[in-house]
Amino acid sequence: MLEYSVVANRVDAHGSLARTKDAEITLDTDVKGRLDAFNPAELLLAAVAACMIKGIERIAPVNRFSYRGVEVRLRGLRQDSPPFMAKITYELIIDTDEDDRKLDLMHHNVRKYGTIFNTVSAATKLEGTILRKAKTV
């Protein structure tokens, strides 16, 4: 089994820092919020996006899937009482010339083999679509 560790510390009433390996990220833990850091809900959405992109990085060489770029757009819907992320939707946009069959297979594999994707989807409704990036002229 793989094991992960993060240490987070409160800096002041406006924010905290989370650290792992040689990386750190500023956390929005200010009650009033702050624009220069991710709040906990945004971190959850970012974790899902990172999982999906990392999955593509892993799957593409195995399936000989060629692509130029990936964008993930996510929206979380939070209910108030009790506080809960009731639904997360996404658009997974891939800049590729691969056919629809390979695009659908990529989507299937991203959903099937993503650790964070599977964890979050077990806890809340997580659904979305995969799209080919529109060609610009």
C-alpha atoms as a PDB file:
ATOM      1  CA  MET A   1       0.000   0.000   0.000  1.00  0.00           C
ATOM      2  CA  LEU A   2       1.137   3.532  -0.702  1.00  0.00           C
ATOM      3  CA  GLU A   3       1.141   6.026   2.129  1.00  0.00           C
ATOM      4  CA  TYR A   4       0.927   9.801   1.827  1.00  0.00           C
ATOM      5  CA  SER A   5       1.572  12.493   4.407  1.00  0.00           C
ATOM      6  CA  VAL A   6       0.879  16.209   4.601  1.00  0.00           C
ATOM      7  CA  VAL A   7       1.508  18.524   7.532  1.00  0.00           C
ATOM      8  CA  ALA A   8      -0.552  21.709   7.810  1.00  0.00           C
ATOM      9  CA  ASN A   9       0.032  24.552  10.237  1.00  0.00           C
ATOM     10  CA  ARG A  10      -1.929  27.675  11.010  1.00  0.00           C
ATOM     11  CA  VAL A  11       0.122  30.750  10.124  1.00  0.00           C
ATOM     12  CA  ASP A  12      -2.361  33.315  11.436  1.00  0.00           C
ATOM     13  CA  ALA A  13      -6.085  34.119  11.350  1.00  0.00           C
ATOM     14  CA  HIS A  14      -5.871  34.551   7.577  1.00  0.00           C
ATOM     15  CA  GLY A  15      -4.221  31.380   6.410  1.00  0.00           C
ATOM     16  CA  SER A  16      -2.296  28.191   6.883  1.00  0.00           C
ATOM     17  CA  LEU A  17       0.449  26.294   5.067  1.00  0.00           C
ATOM     18  CA  ALA A  18       0.373  22.657   4.020  1.00  0.00           C
ATOM     19  CA  ARG A  19       3.646  20.890   3.247  1.00  0.00           C
ATOM     20  CA  THR A  20       4.661  17.628   1.638  1.00  0.00           C
ATOM     21  CA  LYS A  21       7.990  16.583   0.127  1.00  0.00           C
ATOM     22  CA  ASP A  22       9.626  19.819  -1.112  1.00  0.00           C
ATOM     23  CA  ALA A  23       6.300  21.546  -1.808  1.00  0.00           C
ATOM     24  CA  GLU A  24       4.019  23.835   0.112  1.00  0.00           C
ATOM     25  CA  ILE A  25       0.659  25.401  -0.579  1.00  0.00           C
ATOM     26  CA  THR A  26      -1.036  28.330   1.124  1.00  0.00           C
ATOM     27  CA  LEU A  27      -4.473  27.422   2.442  1.00  0.00           C
ATOM     28  CA  ASP A  28      -7.405  29.811   2.733  1.00  0.00           C
ATOM     29  CA  THR A  29      -8.459  29.196   6.321  1.00  0.00           C
ATOM     30  CA  ASP A  30      -9.629  32.780   6.902  1.00  0.00           C
ATOM     31  CA  VAL A  31     -13.275  32.904   7.966  1.00  0.00           C
ATOM     32  CA  LYS A  32     -13.792  35.821   5.562  1.00  0.00           C
ATOM     33  CA  GLY A  33     -11.951  34.023   2.759  1.00  0.00           C
ATOM     34  CA  ARG A  34      -9.019  35.210   0.675  1.00  0.00           C
ATOM     35  CA  LEU A  35      -8.454  35.471  -3.050  1.00  0.00           C
ATOM     36  CA  ASP A  36      -4.831  34.297  -3.152  1.00  0.00           C
ATOM     37  CA  ALA A  37      -5.328  30.781  -1.791  1.00  0.00           C
ATOM     38  CA  PHE A  38      -7.533  27.720  -2.261  1.00  0.00           C
ATOM     39  CA  ASN A  39     -10.210  27.132   0.366  1.00  0.00           C
ATOM     40  CA  PRO A  40     -10.944  23.540   1.454  1.00  0.00           C
ATOM     41  CA  ALA A  41     -13.721  23.028  -1.135  1.00  0.00           C
ATOM     42  CA  GLU A  42     -11.497  24.346  -3.922  1.00  0.00           C
ATOM     43  CA  LEU A  43      -8.667  22.071  -2.756  1.00  0.00           C
ATOM     44  CA  LEU A  44     -11.016  19.094  -3.029  1.00  0.00           C
ATOM     45  CA  LEU A  45     -11.945  20.071  -6.590  1.00  0.00           C
ATOM     46  CA  ALA A  46      -8.271  20.649  -7.451  1.00  0.00           C
ATOM     47  CA  ALA A  47      -7.407  17.200  -6.077  1.00  0.00           C
ATOM     48  CA  VAL A  48     -10.019  15.610  -8.342  1.00  0.00           C
ATOM     49  CA  ALA A  49      -8.655  17.556 -11.330  1.00  0.00           C
ATOM     50  CA  ALA A  50      -5.062  16.595 -10.533  1.00  0.00           C
ATOM     51  CA  CYS A  51      -6.093  12.950 -10.224  1.00  0.00           C
ATOM     52  CA  MET A  52      -7.776  13.040 -13.629  1.00  0.00           C
ATOM     53  CA  ILE A  53      -4.819  14.726 -15.340  1.00  0.00           C
ATOM     54  CA  LYS A  54      -2.337  12.362 -13.694  1.00  0.00           C
ATOM     55  CA  GLY A  55      -4.492   9.444 -14.826  1.00  0.00           C
ATOM     56  CA  ILE A  56      -4.277  10.664 -18.406  1.00  0.00           C
ATOM     57  CA  GLU A  57      -0.497  10.938 -18.077  1.00  0.00           C
ATOM     58  CA  ARG A  58      -0.375   7.300 -16.967  1.00  0.00           C
ATOM     59  CA  ILE A  59      -2.936   5.877 -19.387  1.00  0.00           C
ATOM     60  CA  ALA A  60      -1.899   7.687 -22.580  1.00  0.00           C
ATOM     61  CA  PRO A  61       1.357   5.771 -23.225  1.00  0.00           C
ATOM     62  CA  VAL A  62      -0.301   2.410 -22.519  1.00  0.00           C
ATOM     63  CA  ASN A  63      -3.209   3.095 -24.890  1.00  0.00           C
ATOM     64  CA  ARG A  64      -1.056   4.985 -27.408  1.00  0.00           C
ATOM     65  CA  PHE A  65      -3.278   8.006 -26.928  1.00  0.00           C
ATOM     66  CA  SER A  66      -1.798  11.166 -28.406  1.00  0.00           C
ATOM     67  CA  TYR A  67      -2.791  14.560 -27.023  1.00  0.00           C
ATOM     68  CA  ARG A  68      -1.488  18.110 -26.799  1.00  0.00           C
ATOM     69  CA  GLY A  69      -3.186  19.360 -23.660  1.00  0.00           C
ATOM     70  CA  VAL A  70      -5.805  18.781 -20.978  1.00  0.00           C
ATOM     71  CA  GLU A  71      -8.174  21.117 -19.149  1.00  0.00           C
ATOM     72  CA  VAL A  72     -10.521  20.084 -16.344  1.00  0.00           C
ATOM     73  CA  ARG A  73     -13.394  22.368 -15.334  1.00  0.00           C
ATOM     74  CA  LEU A  74     -15.110  21.457 -12.077  1.00  0.00           C
ATOM     75  CA  ARG A  75     -18.074  22.780 -10.110  1.00  0.00           C
ATOM     76  CA  GLY A  76     -18.993  21.767  -6.600  1.00  0.00           C
ATOM     77  CA  LEU A  77     -22.437  22.219  -5.124  1.00  0.00           C
ATOM     78  CA  ARG A  78     -22.384  22.535  -1.334  1.00  0.00           C
ATOM     79  CA  GLN A  79     -25.457  22.064   0.803  1.00  0.00           C
ATOM     80  CA  ASP A  80     -25.631  24.069   4.032  1.00  0.00           C
ATOM     81  CA  SER A  81     -27.154  21.794   6.632  1.00  0.00           C
ATOM     82  CA  PRO A  82     -25.385  19.613   7.303  1.00  0.00           C
ATOM     83  CA  PRO A  83     -22.426  21.045   5.367  1.00  0.00           C
ATOM     84  CA  PHE A  84     -21.705  18.600   2.576  1.00  0.00           C
ATOM     85  CA  MET A  85     -20.444  18.649  -1.020  1.00  0.00           C
ATOM     86  CA  ALA A  86     -23.685  17.355  -2.544  1.00  0.00           C
ATOM     87  CA  LYS A  87     -22.533  17.161  -6.148  1.00  0.00           C
ATOM     88  CA  ILE A  88     -19.426  17.676  -8.253  1.00  0.00           C
ATOM     89  CA  THR A  89     -19.612  18.011 -12.018  1.00  0.00           C
ATOM     90  CA  TYR A  90     -16.749  18.243 -14.461  1.00  0.00           C
ATOM     91  CA  GLU A  91     -15.811  18.754 -18.071  1.00  0.00           C
ATOM     92  CA  LEU A  92     -12.630  16.967 -19.079  1.00  0.00           C
ATOM     93  CA  ILE A  93     -11.397  18.705 -22.228  1.00  0.00           C
ATOM     94  CA  ILE A  94      -8.598  17.060 -24.185  1.00  0.00           C
ATOM     95  CA  ASP A  95      -6.770  18.582 -27.125  1.00  0.00           C
ATOM     96  CA  THR A  96      -6.436  15.490 -29.308  1.00  0.00           C
ATOM     97  CA  ASP A  97      -6.997  14.118 -32.776  1.00  0.00           C
ATOM     98  CA  GLU A  98      -7.833  10.629 -31.461  1.00  0.00           C
ATOM     99  CA  ASP A  99     -11.181   9.131 -32.512  1.00  0.00           C
ATOM    100  CA  ASP A 100     -14.287   9.078 -30.303  1.00  0.00           C
ATOM    101  CA  ARG A 101     -13.736   5.462 -29.292  1.00  0.00           C
ATOM    102  CA  LYS A 102     -10.285   6.207 -27.855  1.00  0.00           C
ATOM    103  CA  LEU A 103     -11.584   9.384 -26.216  1.00  0.00           C
ATOM    104  CA  ASP A 104     -14.389   7.421 -24.516  1.00  0.00           C
ATOM    105  CA  LEU A 105     -11.907   4.742 -23.442  1.00  0.00           C
ATOM    106  CA  MET A 106      -9.722   7.422 -21.870  1.00  0.00           C
ATOM    107  CA  HIS A 107     -12.716   8.737 -19.929  1.00  0.00           C
ATOM    108  CA  HIS A 108     -13.583   5.218 -18.768  1.00  0.00           C
ATOM    109  CA  ASN A 109     -10.023   4.581 -17.571  1.00  0.00           C
ATOM    110  CA  VAL A 110      -9.704   7.945 -15.807  1.00  0.00           C
ATOM    111  CA  ARG A 111     -12.871   7.175 -13.842  1.00  0.00           C
ATOM    112  CA  LYS A 112     -11.934   3.563 -13.149  1.00  0.00           C
ATOM    113  CA  TYR A 113      -8.327   3.943 -12.005  1.00  0.00           C
ATOM    114  CA  GLY A 114      -8.208   7.337 -10.255  1.00  0.00           C
ATOM    115  CA  THR A 115      -7.568   7.037  -6.520  1.00  0.00           C
ATOM    116  CA  ILE A 116      -8.974  10.449  -5.608  1.00  0.00           C
ATOM    117  CA  PHE A 117     -11.714  10.186  -8.241  1.00  0.00           C
ATOM    118  CA  ASN A 118     -12.892   6.868  -6.762  1.00  0.00           C
ATOM    119  CA  THR A 119     -12.647   8.125  -3.176  1.00  0.00           C
ATOM    120  CA  VAL A 120     -14.683  11.248  -3.862  1.00  0.00           C
ATOM    121  CA  SER A 121     -17.228   9.448  -6.058  1.00  0.00           C
ATOM    122  CA  ALA A 122     -17.867   6.994  -3.207  1.00  0.00           C
ATOM    123  CA  ALA A 123     -18.788   9.928  -0.961  1.00  0.00           C
ATOM    124  CA  THR A 124     -20.792  12.196  -3.263  1.00  0.00           C
ATOM    125  CA  LYS A 125     -22.293  12.423  -6.733  1.00  0.00           C
ATOM    126  CA  LEU A 126     -19.394  12.927  -9.161  1.00  0.00           C
ATOM    127  CA  GLU A 127     -20.252  13.090 -12.838  1.00  0.00           C
ATOM    128  CA  GLY A 128     -19.116  14.723 -15.999  1.00  0.00           C
ATOM    129  CA  THR A 129     -18.215  14.509 -19.624  1.00  0.00           C
ATOM    130  CA  ILE A 130     -15.127  14.229 -21.757  1.00  0.00           C
ATOM    131  CA  LEU A 131     -14.860  16.585 -24.698  1.00  0.00           C
ATOM    132  CA  ARG A 132     -12.450  17.169 -27.533  1.00  0.00           C
ATOM    133  CA  LYS A 133     -11.013  20.689 -27.508  1.00  0.00           C
ATOM    134  CA  ALA A 134     -12.478  22.719 -30.342  1.00  0.00           C
ATOM    135  CA  LYS A 135      -9.993  23.496 -33.062  1.00  0.00           C
ATOM    136  CA  THR A 136      -9.151  27.157 -33.408  1.00  0.00           C
ATOM    137  CA  VAL A 137      -8.700  28.657 -36.814  1.00  0.00           C
END
